[in-house]
Amino acid sequence: VVHTSDVLSWKDKIDVMILCGGSATDLPEMTPALAENF
């Protein structure tokens, strides 16, 4: 269980990240940002 601020340290340990945020405000920002690394 990891704080989101440490997500980049897991870049090479995860094959696919499944995003479980809301569509109203989370995913429009989360998905493009995380797609830069996962």
Full PDB file with SEQRES, HELIX, SHEET, SSBOND, CRYST1, ORIGX, SCALE, CONECT and MASTER records, all heavy atoms in Angstrom:
SEQRES   1 A   38  VAL VAL HIS THR SER ASP VAL LEU SER TRP LYS ASP LYS          
SEQRES   2 A   38  ILE ASP VAL MET ILE LEU CYS GLY GLY SER ALA THR ASP          
SEQRES   3 A   38  LEU PRO GLU MET THR PRO ALA LEU ALA GLU ASN PHE              
HELIX    1 AA1 THR A    4  TRP A   10  5                                   7    
HELIX    2 AA2 LEU A   27  ALA A   35  1                                   9    
CRYST1    1.000    1.000    1.000  90.00  90.00  90.00 P 1           1          
ORIGX1      1.000000  0.000000  0.000000        0.00000                         
ORIGX2      0.000000  1.000000  0.000000        0.00000                         
ORIGX3      0.000000  0.000000  1.000000        0.00000                         
SCALE1      1.000000  0.000000  0.000000        0.00000                         
SCALE2      0.000000  1.000000  0.000000        0.00000                         
SCALE3      0.000000  0.000000  1.000000        0.00000                         
ATOM      1  N   VAL A   1       0.877  -1.175   0.000  1.00  0.00           N  
ATOM      2  CA  VAL A   1       0.000   0.000   0.000  1.00  0.00           C  
ATOM      3  C   VAL A   1       0.909   1.217   0.000  1.00  0.00           C  
ATOM      4  O   VAL A   1       1.727   1.394   0.914  1.00  0.00           O  
ATOM      5  CB  VAL A   1      -0.946   0.020   1.212  1.00  0.00           C  
ATOM      6  CG1 VAL A   1      -1.839   1.256   1.164  1.00  0.00           C  
ATOM      7  CG2 VAL A   1      -1.790  -1.248   1.252  1.00  0.00           C  
ATOM      8  N   VAL A   2       0.787   2.039  -1.035  1.00  0.00           N  
ATOM      9  CA  VAL A   2       1.767   3.089  -1.305  1.00  0.00           C  
ATOM     10  C   VAL A   2       1.043   4.416  -1.521  1.00  0.00           C  
ATOM     11  O   VAL A   2      -0.016   4.463  -2.153  1.00  0.00           O  
ATOM     12  CB  VAL A   2       2.579   2.742  -2.574  1.00  0.00           C  
ATOM     13  CG1 VAL A   2       3.671   3.775  -2.820  1.00  0.00           C  
ATOM     14  CG2 VAL A   2       3.162   1.333  -2.489  1.00  0.00           C  
ATOM     15  N   HIS A   3       1.625   5.488  -1.021  1.00  0.00           N  
ATOM     16  CA  HIS A   3       1.045   6.807  -1.289  1.00  0.00           C  
ATOM     17  C   HIS A   3       1.262   7.165  -2.761  1.00  0.00           C  
ATOM     18  O   HIS A   3       2.292   6.829  -3.357  1.00  0.00           O  
ATOM     19  CB  HIS A   3       1.671   7.871  -0.390  1.00  0.00           C  
ATOM     20  CG  HIS A   3       0.890   9.150  -0.381  1.00  0.00           C  
ATOM     21  ND1 HIS A   3       1.145  10.182  -1.272  1.00  0.00           N  
ATOM     22  CD2 HIS A   3      -0.166   9.550   0.377  1.00  0.00           C  
ATOM     23  CE1 HIS A   3       0.292  11.167  -1.051  1.00  0.00           C  
ATOM     24  NE2 HIS A   3      -0.517  10.815  -0.049  1.00  0.00           N  
ATOM     25  N   THR A   4       0.285   7.854  -3.338  1.00  0.00           N  
ATOM     26  CA  THR A   4       0.375   8.191  -4.763  1.00  0.00           C  
ATOM     27  C   THR A   4       1.607   9.034  -5.089  1.00  0.00           C  
ATOM     28  O   THR A   4       2.092   9.003  -6.229  1.00  0.00           O  
ATOM     29  CB  THR A   4      -0.888   8.935  -5.219  1.00  0.00           C  
ATOM     30  OG1 THR A   4      -1.123  10.056  -4.348  1.00  0.00           O  
ATOM     31  CG2 THR A   4      -2.109   8.019  -5.185  1.00  0.00           C  
ATOM     32  N   SER A   5       2.122   9.750  -4.122  1.00  0.00           N  
ATOM     33  CA  SER A   5       3.310  10.571  -4.380  1.00  0.00           C  
ATOM     34  C   SER A   5       4.540   9.721  -4.692  1.00  0.00           C  
ATOM     35  O   SER A   5       5.515  10.216  -5.257  1.00  0.00           O  
ATOM     36  CB  SER A   5       3.595  11.478  -3.177  1.00  0.00           C  
ATOM     37  OG  SER A   5       3.844  10.712  -2.008  1.00  0.00           O  
ATOM     38  N   ASP A   6       4.494   8.430  -4.355  1.00  0.00           N  
ATOM     39  CA  ASP A   6       5.634   7.539  -4.602  1.00  0.00           C  
ATOM     40  C   ASP A   6       5.428   6.642  -5.819  1.00  0.00           C  
ATOM     41  O   ASP A   6       6.152   5.663  -6.015  1.00  0.00           O  
ATOM     42  CB  ASP A   6       5.877   6.651  -3.372  1.00  0.00           C  
ATOM     43  CG  ASP A   6       6.334   7.455  -2.162  1.00  0.00           C  
ATOM     44  OD1 ASP A   6       7.023   8.476  -2.365  1.00  0.00           O  
ATOM     45  OD2 ASP A   6       5.982   7.073  -1.031  1.00  0.00           O  
ATOM     46  N   VAL A   7       4.440   6.960  -6.660  1.00  0.00           N  
ATOM     47  CA  VAL A   7       4.070   6.042  -7.732  1.00  0.00           C  
ATOM     48  C   VAL A   7       5.202   5.809  -8.727  1.00  0.00           C  
ATOM     49  O   VAL A   7       5.371   4.697  -9.242  1.00  0.00           O  
ATOM     50  CB  VAL A   7       2.790   6.535  -8.454  1.00  0.00           C  
ATOM     51  CG1 VAL A   7       3.053   7.834  -9.220  1.00  0.00           C  
ATOM     52  CG2 VAL A   7       2.231   5.471  -9.380  1.00  0.00           C  
ATOM     53  N   LEU A   8       6.018   6.818  -9.005  1.00  0.00           N  
ATOM     54  CA  LEU A   8       7.049   6.660 -10.030  1.00  0.00           C  
ATOM     55  C   LEU A   8       8.129   5.666  -9.632  1.00  0.00           C  
ATOM     56  O   LEU A   8       8.809   5.105 -10.502  1.00  0.00           O  
ATOM     57  CB  LEU A   8       7.671   8.014 -10.366  1.00  0.00           C  
ATOM     58  CG  LEU A   8       6.756   9.007 -11.094  1.00  0.00           C  
ATOM     59  CD1 LEU A   8       7.524  10.265 -11.468  1.00  0.00           C  
ATOM     60  CD2 LEU A   8       6.130   8.365 -12.334  1.00  0.00           C  
ATOM     61  N   SER A   9       8.296   5.428  -8.341  1.00  0.00           N  
ATOM     62  CA  SER A   9       9.287   4.447  -7.909  1.00  0.00           C  
ATOM     63  C   SER A   9       8.861   3.020  -8.269  1.00  0.00           C  
ATOM     64  O   SER A   9       9.663   2.090  -8.171  1.00  0.00           O  
ATOM     65  CB  SER A   9       9.523   4.559  -6.396  1.00  0.00           C  
ATOM     66  OG  SER A   9       8.355   4.209  -5.675  1.00  0.00           O  
ATOM     67  N   TRP A  10       7.619   2.853  -8.724  1.00  0.00           N  
ATOM     68  CA  TRP A  10       7.100   1.542  -9.113  1.00  0.00           C  
ATOM     69  C   TRP A  10       7.025   1.385 -10.623  1.00  0.00           C  
ATOM     70  O   TRP A  10       6.456   0.414 -11.137  1.00  0.00           O  
ATOM     71  CB  TRP A  10       5.721   1.323  -8.497  1.00  0.00           C  
ATOM     72  CG  TRP A  10       5.792   1.091  -7.015  1.00  0.00           C  
ATOM     73  CD1 TRP A  10       6.016   2.029  -6.047  1.00  0.00           C  
ATOM     74  CD2 TRP A  10       5.682  -0.158  -6.346  1.00  0.00           C  
ATOM     75  NE1 TRP A  10       6.045   1.443  -4.803  1.00  0.00           N  
ATOM     76  CE2 TRP A  10       5.836   0.092  -4.961  1.00  0.00           C  
ATOM     77  CE3 TRP A  10       5.452  -1.463  -6.772  1.00  0.00           C  
ATOM     78  CZ2 TRP A  10       5.785  -0.935  -4.018  1.00  0.00           C  
ATOM     79  CZ3 TRP A  10       5.383  -2.478  -5.836  1.00  0.00           C  
ATOM     80  CH2 TRP A  10       5.546  -2.213  -4.469  1.00  0.00           C  
ATOM     81  N   LYS A  11       7.611   2.292 -11.363  1.00  0.00           N  
ATOM     82  CA  LYS A  11       7.481   2.311 -12.812  1.00  0.00           C  
ATOM     83  C   LYS A  11       7.872   0.984 -13.455  1.00  0.00           C  
ATOM     84  O   LYS A  11       7.201   0.505 -14.387  1.00  0.00           O  
ATOM     85  CB  LYS A  11       8.319   3.454 -13.397  1.00  0.00           C  
ATOM     86  CG  LYS A  11       8.281   3.547 -14.908  1.00  0.00           C  
ATOM     87  CD  LYS A  11       9.057   4.753 -15.413  1.00  0.00           C  
ATOM     88  CE  LYS A  11       9.035   4.827 -16.929  1.00  0.00           C  
ATOM     89  NZ  LYS A  11       9.771   6.010 -17.442  1.00  0.00           N  
ATOM     90  N   ASP A  12       8.936   0.362 -13.007  1.00  0.00           N  
ATOM     91  CA  ASP A  12       9.429  -0.863 -13.636  1.00  0.00           C  
ATOM     92  C   ASP A  12       8.931  -2.134 -12.948  1.00  0.00           C  
ATOM     93  O   ASP A  12       9.366  -3.238 -13.297  1.00  0.00           O  
ATOM     94  CB  ASP A  12      10.959  -0.856 -13.648  1.00  0.00           C  
ATOM     95  CG  ASP A  12      11.511   0.306 -14.470  1.00  0.00           C  
ATOM     96  OD1 ASP A  12      10.908   0.622 -15.502  1.00  0.00           O  
ATOM     97  OD2 ASP A  12      12.529   0.894 -14.054  1.00  0.00           O  
ATOM     98  N   LYS A  13       8.001  -1.975 -12.006  1.00  0.00           N  
ATOM     99  CA  LYS A  13       7.500  -3.133 -11.264  1.00  0.00           C  
ATOM    100  C   LYS A  13       6.063  -3.485 -11.622  1.00  0.00           C  
ATOM    101  O   LYS A  13       5.535  -4.488 -11.123  1.00  0.00           O  
ATOM    102  CB  LYS A  13       7.595  -2.855  -9.757  1.00  0.00           C  
ATOM    103  CG  LYS A  13       8.995  -2.502  -9.275  1.00  0.00           C  
ATOM    104  CD  LYS A  13       8.979  -2.086  -7.813  1.00  0.00           C  
ATOM    105  CE  LYS A  13      10.346  -1.580  -7.363  1.00  0.00           C  
ATOM    106  NZ  LYS A  13      10.321  -1.072  -5.969  1.00  0.00           N  
ATOM    107  N   ILE A  14       5.439  -2.668 -12.451  1.00  0.00           N  
ATOM    108  CA  ILE A  14       4.021  -2.849 -12.768  1.00  0.00           C  
ATOM    109  C   ILE A  14       3.841  -2.958 -14.276  1.00  0.00           C  
ATOM    110  O   ILE A  14       4.319  -2.114 -15.031  1.00  0.00           O  
ATOM    111  CB  ILE A  14       3.190  -1.679 -12.196  1.00  0.00           C  
ATOM    112  CG1 ILE A  14       3.142  -1.785 -10.669  1.00  0.00           C  
ATOM    113  CG2 ILE A  14       1.777  -1.657 -12.780  1.00  0.00           C  
ATOM    114  CD1 ILE A  14       2.506  -0.608  -9.984  1.00  0.00           C  
ATOM    115  N   ASP A  15       3.148  -4.011 -14.712  1.00  0.00           N  
ATOM    116  CA  ASP A  15       2.875  -4.194 -16.136  1.00  0.00           C  
ATOM    117  C   ASP A  15       1.702  -3.336 -16.597  1.00  0.00           C  
ATOM    118  O   ASP A  15       1.741  -2.756 -17.686  1.00  0.00           O  
ATOM    119  CB  ASP A  15       2.580  -5.668 -16.431  1.00  0.00           C  
ATOM    120  CG  ASP A  15       3.790  -6.553 -16.166  1.00  0.00           C  
ATOM    121  OD1 ASP A  15       4.889  -6.186 -16.618  1.00  0.00           O  
ATOM    122  OD2 ASP A  15       3.630  -7.596 -15.510  1.00  0.00           O  
ATOM    123  N   VAL A  16       0.655  -3.281 -15.793  1.00  0.00           N  
ATOM    124  CA  VAL A  16      -0.517  -2.461 -16.121  1.00  0.00           C  
ATOM    125  C   VAL A  16      -1.051  -1.835 -14.841  1.00  0.00           C  
ATOM    126  O   VAL A  16      -1.239  -2.527 -13.832  1.00  0.00           O  
ATOM    127  CB  VAL A  16      -1.641  -3.288 -16.786  1.00  0.00           C  
ATOM    128  CG1 VAL A  16      -2.818  -2.380 -17.168  1.00  0.00           C  
ATOM    129  CG2 VAL A  16      -1.131  -4.034 -18.019  1.00  0.00           C  
ATOM    130  N   MET A  17      -1.304  -0.534 -14.896  1.00  0.00           N  
ATOM    131  CA  MET A  17      -1.930   0.188 -13.796  1.00  0.00           C  
ATOM    132  C   MET A  17      -3.417   0.341 -14.109  1.00  0.00           C  
ATOM    133  O   MET A  17      -3.791   0.795 -15.197  1.00  0.00           O  
ATOM    134  CB  MET A  17      -1.292   1.567 -13.626  1.00  0.00           C  
ATOM    135  CG  MET A  17      -1.796   2.329 -12.408  1.00  0.00           C  
ATOM    136  SD  MET A  17      -1.028   1.767 -10.874  1.00  0.00           S  
ATOM    137  CE  MET A  17       0.551   2.626 -10.989  1.00  0.00           C  
ATOM    138  N   ILE A  18      -4.267  -0.051 -13.168  1.00  0.00           N  
ATOM    139  CA  ILE A  18      -5.710   0.108 -13.334  1.00  0.00           C  
ATOM    140  C   ILE A  18      -6.150   1.305 -12.504  1.00  0.00           C  
ATOM    141  O   ILE A  18      -6.016   1.314 -11.275  1.00  0.00           O  
ATOM    142  CB  ILE A  18      -6.467  -1.159 -12.926  1.00  0.00           C  
ATOM    143  CG1 ILE A  18      -6.012  -2.336 -13.795  1.00  0.00           C  
ATOM    144  CG2 ILE A  18      -7.970  -0.946 -13.052  1.00  0.00           C  
ATOM    145  CD1 ILE A  18      -6.687  -3.657 -13.468  1.00  0.00           C  
ATOM    146  N   LEU A  19      -6.677   2.320 -13.203  1.00  0.00           N  
ATOM    147  CA  LEU A  19      -7.045   3.575 -12.558  1.00  0.00           C  
ATOM    148  C   LEU A  19      -8.484   3.517 -12.068  1.00  0.00           C  
ATOM    149  O   LEU A  19      -9.395   3.195 -12.834  1.00  0.00           O  
ATOM    150  CB  LEU A  19      -6.883   4.748 -13.528  1.00  0.00           C  
ATOM    151  CG  LEU A  19      -5.469   5.348 -13.678  1.00  0.00           C  
ATOM    152  CD1 LEU A  19      -4.450   4.289 -14.033  1.00  0.00           C  
ATOM    153  CD2 LEU A  19      -5.475   6.457 -14.711  1.00  0.00           C  
ATOM    154  N   CYS A  20      -8.681   3.850 -10.805  1.00  0.00           N  
ATOM    155  CA  CYS A  20     -10.001   3.739 -10.185  1.00  0.00           C  
ATOM    156  C   CYS A  20     -10.469   5.074  -9.622  1.00  0.00           C  
ATOM    157  O   CYS A  20     -11.122   5.142  -8.578  1.00  0.00           O  
ATOM    158  CB  CYS A  20      -9.979   2.670  -9.100  1.00  0.00           C  
ATOM    159  SG  CYS A  20      -9.580   1.030  -9.737  1.00  0.00           S  
ATOM    160  N   GLY A  21     -10.128   6.156 -10.311  1.00  0.00           N  
ATOM    161  CA  GLY A  21     -10.605   7.475  -9.924  1.00  0.00           C  
ATOM    162  C   GLY A  21     -11.931   7.802 -10.588  1.00  0.00           C  
ATOM    163  O   GLY A  21     -12.426   7.059 -11.441  1.00  0.00           O  
ATOM    164  N   GLY A  22     -12.498   8.939 -10.200  1.00  0.00           N  
ATOM    165  CA  GLY A  22     -13.764   9.382 -10.772  1.00  0.00           C  
ATOM    166  C   GLY A  22     -13.566  10.129 -12.077  1.00  0.00           C  
ATOM    167  O   GLY A  22     -12.518  10.735 -12.317  1.00  0.00           O  
ATOM    168  N   SER A  23     -14.600  10.094 -12.919  1.00  0.00           N  
ATOM    169  CA  SER A  23     -14.507  10.731 -14.230  1.00  0.00           C  
ATOM    170  C   SER A  23     -14.681  12.245 -14.171  1.00  0.00           C  
ATOM    171  O   SER A  23     -14.236  12.955 -15.081  1.00  0.00           O  
ATOM    172  CB  SER A  23     -15.568  10.140 -15.175  1.00  0.00           C  
ATOM    173  OG  SER A  23     -15.321   8.778 -15.399  1.00  0.00           O  
ATOM    174  N   ALA A  24     -15.336  12.743 -13.136  1.00  0.00           N  
ATOM    175  CA  ALA A  24     -15.645  14.174 -13.096  1.00  0.00           C  
ATOM    176  C   ALA A  24     -14.380  15.025 -13.029  1.00  0.00           C  
ATOM    177  O   ALA A  24     -14.215  15.975 -13.802  1.00  0.00           O  
ATOM    178  CB  ALA A  24     -16.554  14.473 -11.911  1.00  0.00           C  
ATOM    179  N   THR A  25     -13.473  14.679 -12.115  1.00  0.00           N  
ATOM    180  CA  THR A  25     -12.273  15.509 -11.941  1.00  0.00           C  
ATOM    181  C   THR A  25     -10.975  14.715 -11.899  1.00  0.00           C  
ATOM    182  O   THR A  25      -9.919  15.259 -12.229  1.00  0.00           O  
ATOM    183  CB  THR A  25     -12.378  16.332 -10.633  1.00  0.00           C  
ATOM    184  OG1 THR A  25     -12.569  15.437  -9.524  1.00  0.00           O  
ATOM    185  CG2 THR A  25     -13.553  17.306 -10.692  1.00  0.00           C  
ATOM    186  N   ASP A  26     -11.009  13.422 -11.515  1.00  0.00           N  
ATOM    187  CA  ASP A  26      -9.783  12.642 -11.352  1.00  0.00           C  
ATOM    188  C   ASP A  26      -9.161  12.228 -12.681  1.00  0.00           C  
ATOM    189  O   ASP A  26      -8.017  12.578 -12.998  1.00  0.00           O  
ATOM    190  CB  ASP A  26     -10.050  11.384 -10.518  1.00  0.00           C  
ATOM    191  CG  ASP A  26     -10.314  11.686  -9.058  1.00  0.00           C  
ATOM    192  OD1 ASP A  26      -9.876  12.749  -8.597  1.00  0.00           O  
ATOM    193  OD2 ASP A  26     -10.953  10.860  -8.393  1.00  0.00           O  
ATOM    194  N   LEU A  27      -9.898  11.445 -13.452  1.00  0.00           N  
ATOM    195  CA  LEU A  27      -9.320  10.796 -14.630  1.00  0.00           C  
ATOM    196  C   LEU A  27      -8.857  11.759 -15.721  1.00  0.00           C  
ATOM    197  O   LEU A  27      -7.848  11.474 -16.387  1.00  0.00           O  
ATOM    198  CB  LEU A  27     -10.300   9.764 -15.199  1.00  0.00           C  
ATOM    199  CG  LEU A  27     -10.595   8.584 -14.268  1.00  0.00           C  
ATOM    200  CD1 LEU A  27     -11.625   7.655 -14.894  1.00  0.00           C  
ATOM    201  CD2 LEU A  27      -9.325   7.817 -13.917  1.00  0.00           C  
ATOM    202  N   PRO A  28      -9.520  12.899 -15.947  1.00  0.00           N  
ATOM    203  CA  PRO A  28      -8.999  13.807 -16.972  1.00  0.00           C  
ATOM    204  C   PRO A  28      -7.564  14.254 -16.699  1.00  0.00           C  
ATOM    205  O   PRO A  28      -6.818  14.564 -17.635  1.00  0.00           O  
ATOM    206  CB  PRO A  28      -9.973  14.992 -16.920  1.00  0.00           C  
ATOM    207  CG  PRO A  28     -11.251  14.396 -16.454  1.00  0.00           C  
ATOM    208  CD  PRO A  28     -10.842  13.353 -15.444  1.00  0.00           C  
ATOM    209  N   GLU A  29      -7.157  14.278 -15.442  1.00  0.00           N  
ATOM    210  CA  GLU A  29      -5.782  14.643 -15.091  1.00  0.00           C  
ATOM    211  C   GLU A  29      -4.914  13.407 -14.861  1.00  0.00           C  
ATOM    212  O   GLU A  29      -3.774  13.333 -15.321  1.00  0.00           O  
ATOM    213  CB  GLU A  29      -5.775  15.524 -13.843  1.00  0.00           C  
ATOM    214  CG  GLU A  29      -6.456  16.874 -14.041  1.00  0.00           C  
ATOM    215  CD  GLU A  29      -6.365  17.747 -12.806  1.00  0.00           C  
ATOM    216  OE1 GLU A  29      -5.715  17.333 -11.824  1.00  0.00           O  
ATOM    217  OE2 GLU A  29      -6.945  18.853 -12.827  1.00  0.00           O  
ATOM    218  N   MET A  30      -5.465  12.423 -14.141  1.00  0.00           N  
ATOM    219  CA  MET A  30      -4.695  11.228 -13.777  1.00  0.00           C  
ATOM    220  C   MET A  30      -4.219  10.445 -14.991  1.00  0.00           C  
ATOM    221  O   MET A  30      -3.052  10.037 -15.079  1.00  0.00           O  
ATOM    222  CB  MET A  30      -5.567  10.274 -12.943  1.00  0.00           C  
ATOM    223  CG  MET A  30      -5.677  10.563 -11.487  1.00  0.00           C  
ATOM    224  SD  MET A  30      -6.738   9.270 -10.751  1.00  0.00           S  
ATOM    225  CE  MET A  30      -6.947   9.965  -9.105  1.00  0.00           C  
ATOM    226  N   THR A  31      -5.138  10.175 -15.912  1.00  0.00           N  
ATOM    227  CA  THR A  31      -4.812   9.240 -16.989  1.00  0.00           C  
ATOM    228  C   THR A  31      -3.693   9.757 -17.891  1.00  0.00           C  
ATOM    229  O   THR A  31      -2.718   9.032 -18.133  1.00  0.00           O  
ATOM    230  CB  THR A  31      -6.063   8.884 -17.801  1.00  0.00           C  
ATOM    231  OG1 THR A  31      -7.106   8.463 -16.910  1.00  0.00           O  
ATOM    232  CG2 THR A  31      -5.777   7.754 -18.782  1.00  0.00           C  
ATOM    233  N   PRO A  32      -3.771  10.996 -18.403  1.00  0.00           N  
ATOM    234  CA  PRO A  32      -2.638  11.467 -19.217  1.00  0.00           C  
ATOM    235  C   PRO A  32      -1.330  11.502 -18.436  1.00  0.00           C  
ATOM    236  O   PRO A  32      -0.267  11.167 -18.981  1.00  0.00           O  
ATOM    237  CB  PRO A  32      -3.067  12.866 -19.655  1.00  0.00           C  
ATOM    238  CG  PRO A  32      -4.546  12.900 -19.505  1.00  0.00           C  
ATOM    239  CD  PRO A  32      -4.850  11.993 -18.354  1.00  0.00           C  
ATOM    240  N   ALA A  33      -1.404  11.902 -17.151  1.00  0.00           N  
ATOM    241  CA  ALA A  33      -0.181  11.995 -16.353  1.00  0.00           C  
ATOM    242  C   ALA A  33       0.442  10.620 -16.135  1.00  0.00           C  
ATOM    243  O   ALA A  33       1.661  10.436 -16.287  1.00  0.00           O  
ATOM    244  CB  ALA A  33      -0.486  12.660 -15.013  1.00  0.00           C  
ATOM    245  N   LEU A  34      -0.355   9.626 -15.788  1.00  0.00           N  
ATOM    246  CA  LEU A  34       0.183   8.294 -15.523  1.00  0.00           C  
ATOM    247  C   LEU A  34       0.580   7.571 -16.807  1.00  0.00           C  
ATOM    248  O   LEU A  34       1.470   6.708 -16.798  1.00  0.00           O  
ATOM    249  CB  LEU A  34      -0.830   7.469 -14.741  1.00  0.00           C  
ATOM    250  CG  LEU A  34      -1.002   7.902 -13.275  1.00  0.00           C  
ATOM    251  CD1 LEU A  34      -2.211   7.234 -12.649  1.00  0.00           C  
ATOM    252  CD2 LEU A  34       0.255   7.583 -12.468  1.00  0.00           C  
ATOM    253  N   ALA A  35      -0.050   7.932 -17.928  1.00  0.00           N  
ATOM    254  CA  ALA A  35       0.323   7.322 -19.210  1.00  0.00           C  
ATOM    255  C   ALA A  35       1.737   7.697 -19.630  1.00  0.00           C  
ATOM    256  O   ALA A  35       2.314   7.048 -20.506  1.00  0.00           O  
ATOM    257  CB  ALA A  35      -0.669   7.738 -20.291  1.00  0.00           C  
ATOM    258  N   GLU A  36       2.306   8.703 -19.017  1.00  0.00           N  
ATOM    259  CA  GLU A  36       3.695   9.073 -19.304  1.00  0.00           C  
ATOM    260  C   GLU A  36       4.681   8.043 -18.763  1.00  0.00           C  
ATOM    261  O   GLU A  36       5.856   8.036 -19.138  1.00  0.00           O  
ATOM    262  CB  GLU A  36       4.000  10.452 -18.719  1.00  0.00           C  
ATOM    263  CG  GLU A  36       3.206  11.578 -19.375  1.00  0.00           C  
ATOM    264  CD  GLU A  36       3.478  12.929 -18.731  1.00  0.00           C  
ATOM    265  OE1 GLU A  36       4.300  12.988 -17.794  1.00  0.00           O  
ATOM    266  OE2 GLU A  36       2.863  13.928 -19.164  1.00  0.00           O  
ATOM    267  N   ASN A  37       4.200   7.155 -17.865  1.00  0.00           N  
ATOM    268  CA  ASN A  37       5.109   6.192 -17.245  1.00  0.00           C  
ATOM    269  C   ASN A  37       4.575   4.762 -17.147  1.00  0.00           C  
ATOM    270  O   ASN A  37       5.356   3.845 -16.860  1.00  0.00           O  
ATOM    271  CB  ASN A  37       5.473   6.667 -15.833  1.00  0.00           C  
ATOM    272  CG  ASN A  37       6.316   7.924 -15.841  1.00  0.00           C  
ATOM    273  OD1 ASN A  37       7.512   7.866 -16.085  1.00  0.00           O  
ATOM    274  ND2 ASN A  37       5.684   9.066 -15.591  1.00  0.00           N  
ATOM    275  N   PHE A  38       3.280   4.567 -17.367  1.00  0.00           N  
ATOM    276  CA  PHE A  38       2.689   3.241 -17.163  1.00  0.00           C  
ATOM    277  C   PHE A  38       1.757   2.864 -18.314  1.00  0.00           C  
ATOM    278  O   PHE A  38       1.058   3.725 -18.857  1.00  0.00           O  
ATOM    279  CB  PHE A  38       1.862   3.206 -15.866  1.00  0.00           C  
ATOM    280  CG  PHE A  38       2.651   3.424 -14.610  1.00  0.00           C  
ATOM    281  CD1 PHE A  38       2.780   4.700 -14.059  1.00  0.00           C  
ATOM    282  CD2 PHE A  38       3.266   2.360 -13.963  1.00  0.00           C  
ATOM    283  CE1 PHE A  38       3.497   4.906 -12.891  1.00  0.00           C  
ATOM    284  CE2 PHE A  38       3.985   2.558 -12.789  1.00  0.00           C  
ATOM    285  CZ  PHE A  38       4.111   3.828 -12.256  1.00  0.00           C  
TER     286      PHE A  38                                                      
MASTER        0    0    0    2    0    0    0    6  285    1    0    3          
END                                                                             
